[in-house]
Amino acid sequence: MSPPADAPHPNDTDPALVDFALVDFGRGRRLERLAGILVDRPLPQARLPRSLPDLWSQARLTYTGDSLRESREPPGACPTPLPRGWHPAGPLPDPWRVAVRLRTSTLHLEVRPAASGQTGLFLEQVPQWVWLEKVTPPGSRLLSLFAHSGAATLALAAAGASVVHVDASRQAIALARRNAAASGLATAPIRWVCEDARTFVARELRRGSTYDGVVLDPPSWGHGPRGQAFAIDRDLPALLHDLAGLVGETAAGPMLASCHSAGWTPRRLTCALEVVAGRRSGRIESGPLTCTDTSGRQLECGVYARRGPNPI
């Protein structure tokens, strides 16, 4: 028997059902499983003692941020050169991808270690990707800002939406396009834009463009392709004000904002999203972005606020 349409999807609560997971955390670091490979990297808020201390020595890839540390890399371990600060202890796949099962489709996302310590994957966002695929009306026109490696964009496209994907990094857009191809979405109606988010939104306003919904995951700080500085506390309110002109109160698509910045609580992000969604547009849900490790402990990695589509 098929589950009811509104039944919780396993990925809503159980990250063990995807191809990557938080295994353990503590002492300022996290241990993740990415397509069967253990990765050890920093996470300052992971202050608790480790639950599985003996497992950490099995990490095949460790990020220290210290380019002067002697690498443990054996000959032939990395077909693709790693940025400084990453130290492999054994062979790594090339390409290295994880499979993330949504409700009706599967995303195949590339692991791409960066000099910042990021991997291109964000386990805490999996429930949001599942939600986006579930609630997005087919045929809607949606805007994906600060779109990174493209998982949210691909969840929208998998639901049948037309998406404008905006990120300031050419490397991130190239990665997102590879993820689209690997996920069977190479020909999906996605427009790829390398641009500063504020500049793009301001130009769309001048053109009179409209969208049915928006997804954004702004960084604490960053730079556009021409050096435009972005700081979330300073610049997000003005950006959301402009987005309100692109996405009306009766918009038929989802609205989702998330961030990983100190000082941003679910309540604060809800108030910010109300500028775009409108106070009369339905209930905004909000909460922490969490990961659950294999011992059942929850780790908060950010916050989200979202509002589902209005009836058409």
Protein backbone atom coordinates (compact mmCIF):
# COMPACT_ATOMS: atom_id res chain seq x y z
CA MET A 1 0.00 0.00 0.00
CA SER A 2 1.30 3.45 -0.87
CA PRO A 3 1.73 5.91 1.99
CA PRO A 4 -0.68 8.84 2.27
CA ALA A 5 0.26 11.87 0.20
CA ASP A 6 1.01 13.87 3.33
CA ALA A 7 2.98 11.12 5.09
CA PRO A 8 6.46 12.16 6.24
CA HIS A 9 9.19 11.19 3.82
CA PRO A 10 12.04 9.18 5.37
CA ASN A 11 14.54 11.88 4.43
CA ASP A 12 12.55 14.42 6.46
CA THR A 13 13.91 12.88 9.63
CA ASP A 14 16.39 10.14 8.81
CA PRO A 15 19.65 11.23 7.16
CA ALA A 16 20.88 7.63 7.30
CA LEU A 17 18.69 6.95 4.25
CA VAL A 18 20.81 9.19 2.05
CA ASP A 19 24.28 8.46 0.72
CA PHE A 20 25.94 10.87 3.12
CA ALA A 21 25.49 11.44 6.84
CA LEU A 22 26.90 12.97 9.99
CA VAL A 23 28.64 10.09 11.77
CA ASP A 24 29.99 11.86 14.88
CA PHE A 25 30.95 15.30 16.13
CA GLY A 26 32.81 16.90 19.01
CA ARG A 27 35.86 18.88 20.06
CA GLY A 28 35.19 21.42 17.32
CA ARG A 29 35.05 18.94 14.44
CA ARG A 30 32.61 16.73 12.53
CA LEU A 31 33.02 13.30 10.96
CA GLU A 32 30.87 12.75 7.88
CA ARG A 33 30.28 9.82 5.57
CA LEU A 34 30.28 10.92 1.94
CA ALA A 35 29.50 8.02 -0.40
CA GLY A 36 31.15 5.58 1.98
CA ILE A 37 34.23 7.72 2.69
CA LEU A 38 34.83 9.27 6.12
CA VAL A 39 35.73 12.97 6.09
CA ASP A 40 37.00 14.86 9.15
CA ARG A 41 36.66 18.66 9.08
CA PRO A 42 36.11 21.57 11.48
CA LEU A 43 32.82 22.76 12.95
CA PRO A 44 33.32 25.28 15.77
CA GLN A 45 29.88 24.77 17.36
CA ALA A 46 30.52 21.02 17.81
CA ARG A 47 31.67 21.44 21.41
CA LEU A 48 30.43 18.19 22.98
CA PRO A 49 32.64 15.14 23.60
CA ARG A 50 32.83 12.68 20.73
CA SER A 51 30.60 9.60 20.88
CA LEU A 52 32.79 7.40 18.67
CA PRO A 53 36.36 8.55 19.34
CA ASP A 54 37.98 5.39 17.95
CA LEU A 55 36.35 5.89 14.54
CA TRP A 56 38.03 9.19 13.72
CA SER A 57 41.35 7.57 12.88
CA GLN A 58 39.60 5.89 9.92
CA ALA A 59 38.97 9.21 8.15
CA ARG A 60 40.24 9.02 4.60
CA LEU A 61 40.23 12.80 4.15
CA THR A 62 40.98 15.45 6.78
CA TYR A 63 40.84 19.22 6.54
CA THR A 64 43.20 21.18 8.78
CA GLY A 65 43.46 24.46 6.87
CA ASP A 66 47.20 24.20 7.42
CA SER A 67 48.97 23.94 4.08
CA LEU A 68 52.31 23.45 5.85
CA ARG A 69 51.25 20.24 7.58
CA GLU A 70 52.91 17.19 6.08
CA SER A 71 50.42 15.46 3.79
CA ARG A 72 49.63 11.78 4.37
CA GLU A 73 48.75 11.42 0.71
CA PRO A 74 49.90 8.10 -0.74
CA PRO A 75 50.95 7.95 -4.41
CA GLY A 76 47.97 8.08 -6.75
CA ALA A 77 45.48 8.87 -3.97
CA CYS A 78 43.89 11.86 -5.69
CA PRO A 79 43.16 11.84 -9.41
CA THR A 80 41.93 15.44 -8.99
CA PRO A 81 44.33 17.72 -7.05
CA LEU A 82 42.97 18.85 -3.68
CA PRO A 83 43.12 22.46 -2.46
CA ARG A 84 45.57 23.30 0.28
CA GLY A 85 44.57 22.22 3.75
CA TRP A 86 43.11 18.85 2.70
CA HIS A 87 45.06 15.70 3.55
CA PRO A 88 43.99 12.30 2.10
CA ALA A 89 44.93 9.04 3.77
CA GLY A 90 43.90 6.82 0.88
CA PRO A 91 42.41 6.82 -2.62
CA LEU A 92 39.41 9.01 -3.39
CA PRO A 93 36.85 8.45 -6.17
CA ASP A 94 36.94 10.57 -9.31
CA PRO A 95 34.26 11.66 -9.82
CA TRP A 96 33.16 11.50 -6.20
CA ARG A 97 29.39 11.73 -5.96
CA VAL A 98 26.67 11.06 -3.42
CA ALA A 99 23.07 10.12 -4.18
CA VAL A 100 20.36 12.06 -2.36
CA ARG A 101 16.89 10.57 -2.68
CA LEU A 102 14.02 13.05 -2.67
CA ARG A 103 10.36 12.05 -2.79
CA THR A 104 10.18 11.19 -6.48
CA SER A 105 13.70 11.76 -7.81
CA THR A 106 17.33 11.31 -6.89
CA LEU A 107 20.02 13.98 -7.01
CA HIS A 108 23.61 12.97 -7.74
CA LEU A 109 25.85 15.59 -6.16
CA GLU A 110 29.59 15.88 -6.58
CA VAL A 111 31.88 16.12 -3.56
CA ARG A 112 34.21 19.02 -4.30
CA PRO A 113 36.52 19.92 -1.38
CA ALA A 114 37.30 23.65 -1.29
CA ALA A 115 40.09 25.64 0.31
CA SER A 116 37.52 26.98 2.80
CA GLY A 117 36.92 23.48 4.20
CA GLN A 118 33.54 23.07 2.49
CA THR A 119 32.73 19.96 0.46
CA GLY A 120 29.90 21.30 -1.72
CA LEU A 121 27.37 19.26 0.29
CA PHE A 122 25.13 20.46 3.11
CA LEU A 123 23.49 17.56 4.97
CA GLU A 124 21.43 19.90 7.14
CA GLN A 125 19.58 21.10 4.01
CA VAL A 126 18.29 17.68 2.90
CA PRO A 127 14.82 18.15 4.50
CA GLN A 128 14.53 21.50 2.72
CA TRP A 129 15.33 19.92 -0.66
CA VAL A 130 12.72 17.23 -0.01
CA TRP A 131 10.18 19.93 0.91
CA LEU A 132 10.95 22.00 -2.20
CA GLU A 133 10.38 19.05 -4.51
CA LYS A 134 7.14 18.22 -2.68
CA VAL A 135 5.48 21.66 -2.70
CA THR A 136 6.72 23.26 -5.95
CA PRO A 137 3.95 23.57 -8.56
CA PRO A 138 5.00 22.28 -12.00
CA GLY A 139 5.44 25.14 -14.45
CA SER A 140 6.20 27.76 -11.81
CA ARG A 141 9.00 30.29 -12.40
CA LEU A 142 11.39 30.41 -9.46
CA LEU A 143 14.51 32.29 -8.42
CA SER A 144 17.40 30.53 -6.64
CA LEU A 145 19.89 33.00 -5.11
CA PHE A 146 23.28 32.25 -3.53
CA ALA A 147 22.61 28.90 -5.15
CA HIS A 148 26.00 27.28 -4.47
CA SER A 149 26.36 23.76 -5.89
CA GLY A 150 22.74 23.69 -7.00
CA ALA A 151 20.91 21.10 -4.90
CA ALA A 152 17.96 23.41 -4.16
CA THR A 153 17.83 24.47 -7.81
CA LEU A 154 17.76 20.84 -8.89
CA ALA A 155 15.01 19.97 -6.40
CA LEU A 156 12.90 22.76 -7.93
CA ALA A 157 13.69 21.62 -11.47
CA ALA A 158 12.89 18.00 -10.58
CA ALA A 159 9.42 19.19 -9.56
CA GLY A 160 8.89 20.72 -13.00
CA ALA A 161 9.72 24.35 -12.30
CA SER A 162 11.63 26.78 -14.49
CA VAL A 163 14.53 28.09 -12.40
CA VAL A 164 16.94 31.01 -12.58
CA HIS A 165 20.07 29.92 -10.69
CA VAL A 166 22.24 32.82 -9.47
CA ASP A 167 25.64 32.55 -7.83
CA ALA A 168 28.66 34.84 -7.77
CA SER A 169 31.19 32.03 -8.30
CA ARG A 170 31.89 30.62 -11.76
CA GLN A 171 33.36 27.53 -10.12
CA ALA A 172 30.16 26.97 -8.12
CA ILE A 173 28.03 27.32 -11.24
CA ALA A 174 30.23 24.86 -13.12
CA LEU A 175 29.80 22.41 -10.23
CA ALA A 176 26.02 22.95 -10.21
CA ARG A 177 25.84 22.26 -13.93
CA ARG A 178 27.78 19.02 -13.49
CA ASN A 179 25.36 18.07 -10.71
CA ALA A 180 22.44 18.79 -13.03
CA ALA A 181 23.90 16.55 -15.74
CA ALA A 182 24.64 13.74 -13.28
CA SER A 183 21.06 14.01 -11.95
CA GLY A 184 19.47 13.73 -15.39
CA LEU A 185 18.51 17.42 -15.45
CA ALA A 186 20.96 18.72 -18.06
CA THR A 187 18.09 19.80 -20.32
CA ALA A 188 15.81 21.08 -17.54
CA PRO A 189 14.71 24.73 -17.90
CA ILE A 190 17.46 26.21 -15.71
CA ARG A 191 19.07 29.54 -16.54
CA TRP A 192 22.58 29.77 -15.08
CA VAL A 193 23.65 33.28 -14.04
CA CYS A 194 27.05 34.25 -12.60
CA GLU A 195 26.21 37.54 -10.90
CA ASP A 196 26.03 39.36 -7.60
CA ALA A 197 22.58 38.57 -6.17
CA ARG A 198 21.73 42.20 -5.35
CA THR A 199 22.80 43.41 -8.79
CA PHE A 200 20.76 40.72 -10.52
CA VAL A 201 17.62 41.38 -8.46
CA ALA A 202 17.87 45.14 -9.02
CA ARG A 203 18.17 44.59 -12.78
CA GLU A 204 15.17 42.24 -12.79
CA LEU A 205 13.15 44.90 -10.97
CA ARG A 206 14.01 47.48 -13.62
CA ARG A 207 12.95 45.01 -16.31
CA GLY A 208 9.62 44.36 -14.61
CA SER A 209 10.32 40.64 -14.19
CA THR A 210 8.23 38.58 -11.78
CA TYR A 211 8.72 35.21 -10.09
CA ASP A 212 6.41 32.73 -8.38
CA GLY A 213 8.82 32.09 -5.51
CA VAL A 214 12.37 32.39 -4.28
CA VAL A 215 14.99 30.28 -2.50
CA LEU A 216 18.04 31.92 -0.96
CA ASP A 217 20.89 30.84 1.30
CA PRO A 218 23.01 33.96 1.84
CA PRO A 219 26.50 33.69 3.31
CA SER A 220 27.66 35.63 6.34
CA TRP A 221 29.85 37.57 3.96
CA GLY A 222 31.06 37.20 0.39
CA HIS A 223 32.00 38.93 -2.84
CA GLY A 224 30.38 39.20 -6.24
CA PRO A 225 32.23 38.38 -9.47
CA ARG A 226 33.36 42.00 -9.74
CA GLY A 227 34.37 42.32 -6.10
CA GLN A 228 31.02 43.55 -4.74
CA ALA A 229 31.10 42.96 -0.98
CA PHE A 230 28.15 41.29 0.74
CA ALA A 231 27.51 41.14 4.49
CA ILE A 232 24.31 39.47 5.65
CA ASP A 233 23.52 41.86 8.51
CA ARG A 234 24.06 44.91 6.33
CA ASP A 235 22.76 43.77 2.95
CA LEU A 236 20.06 41.11 3.42
CA PRO A 237 17.26 43.51 4.51
CA ALA A 238 17.64 45.62 1.36
CA LEU A 239 17.83 42.53 -0.83
CA LEU A 240 14.62 41.14 0.67
CA HIS A 241 12.91 44.50 0.15
CA ASP A 242 13.79 44.30 -3.55
CA LEU A 243 12.67 40.67 -3.74
CA ALA A 244 9.25 41.74 -2.49
CA GLY A 245 8.92 43.60 -5.79
CA LEU A 246 9.67 40.45 -7.77
CA VAL A 247 7.59 37.98 -5.73
CA GLY A 248 4.09 39.15 -4.82
CA GLU A 249 1.90 38.12 -1.89
CA THR A 250 -0.17 35.85 -4.16
CA ALA A 251 2.85 34.10 -5.67
CA ALA A 252 2.17 30.45 -6.48
CA GLY A 253 5.58 29.04 -5.56
CA PRO A 254 7.55 28.29 -2.40
CA MET A 255 9.68 30.75 -0.48
CA LEU A 256 12.65 29.49 1.51
CA ALA A 257 15.42 31.38 3.28
CA SER A 258 18.23 29.76 5.22
CA CYS A 259 21.50 30.92 6.69
CA HIS A 260 24.37 29.77 8.86
CA SER A 261 25.29 33.11 10.43
CA ALA A 262 25.74 33.98 14.09
CA GLY A 263 22.91 36.08 15.49
CA TRP A 264 20.29 34.82 13.03
CA THR A 265 17.57 32.95 14.90
CA PRO A 266 14.48 31.30 13.39
CA ARG A 267 12.40 34.24 14.61
CA ARG A 268 14.70 36.82 13.06
CA LEU A 269 14.73 34.99 9.74
CA THR A 270 10.93 34.66 9.85
CA CYS A 271 10.59 38.42 10.28
CA ALA A 272 12.97 38.94 7.37
CA LEU A 273 11.05 36.57 5.09
CA GLU A 274 7.77 38.30 5.91
CA VAL A 275 9.05 41.27 3.92
CA VAL A 276 8.90 39.08 0.80
CA ALA A 277 6.07 36.70 1.64
CA GLY A 278 3.67 39.28 3.06
CA ARG A 279 2.00 39.06 6.44
CA ARG A 280 -1.28 37.86 4.92
CA SER A 281 0.21 35.15 2.71
CA GLY A 282 -0.02 32.18 5.06
CA ARG A 283 1.95 30.75 7.94
CA ILE A 284 5.72 30.88 7.78
CA GLU A 285 7.44 27.85 9.30
CA SER A 286 10.87 28.24 10.81
CA GLY A 287 13.38 26.34 12.88
CA PRO A 288 16.98 25.18 13.15
CA LEU A 289 18.81 23.33 10.41
CA THR A 290 19.94 20.19 12.20
CA CYS A 291 21.94 17.04 11.55
CA THR A 292 21.48 13.87 13.58
CA ASP A 293 24.57 11.73 14.07
CA THR A 294 24.65 7.94 14.31
CA SER A 295 24.33 8.14 18.11
CA GLY A 296 21.10 10.14 17.81
CA ARG A 297 22.58 13.47 18.89
CA GLN A 298 21.40 16.60 17.09
CA LEU A 299 23.75 19.30 15.89
CA GLU A 300 22.41 22.72 14.88
CA CYS A 301 24.07 24.05 11.72
CA GLY A 302 21.91 27.06 10.85
CA VAL A 303 18.30 28.23 10.62
CA TYR A 304 15.54 28.28 8.01
CA ALA A 305 12.22 29.99 7.37
CA ARG A 306 9.80 28.90 4.66
CA ARG A 307 6.31 29.42 3.32
CA GLY A 308 4.56 27.02 1.01
CA PRO A 309 2.83 28.01 -2.21
CA ASN A 310 -0.40 29.97 -2.17
CA PRO A 311 -3.34 28.29 -3.93
CA ILE A 312 -3.42 29.25 -7.59
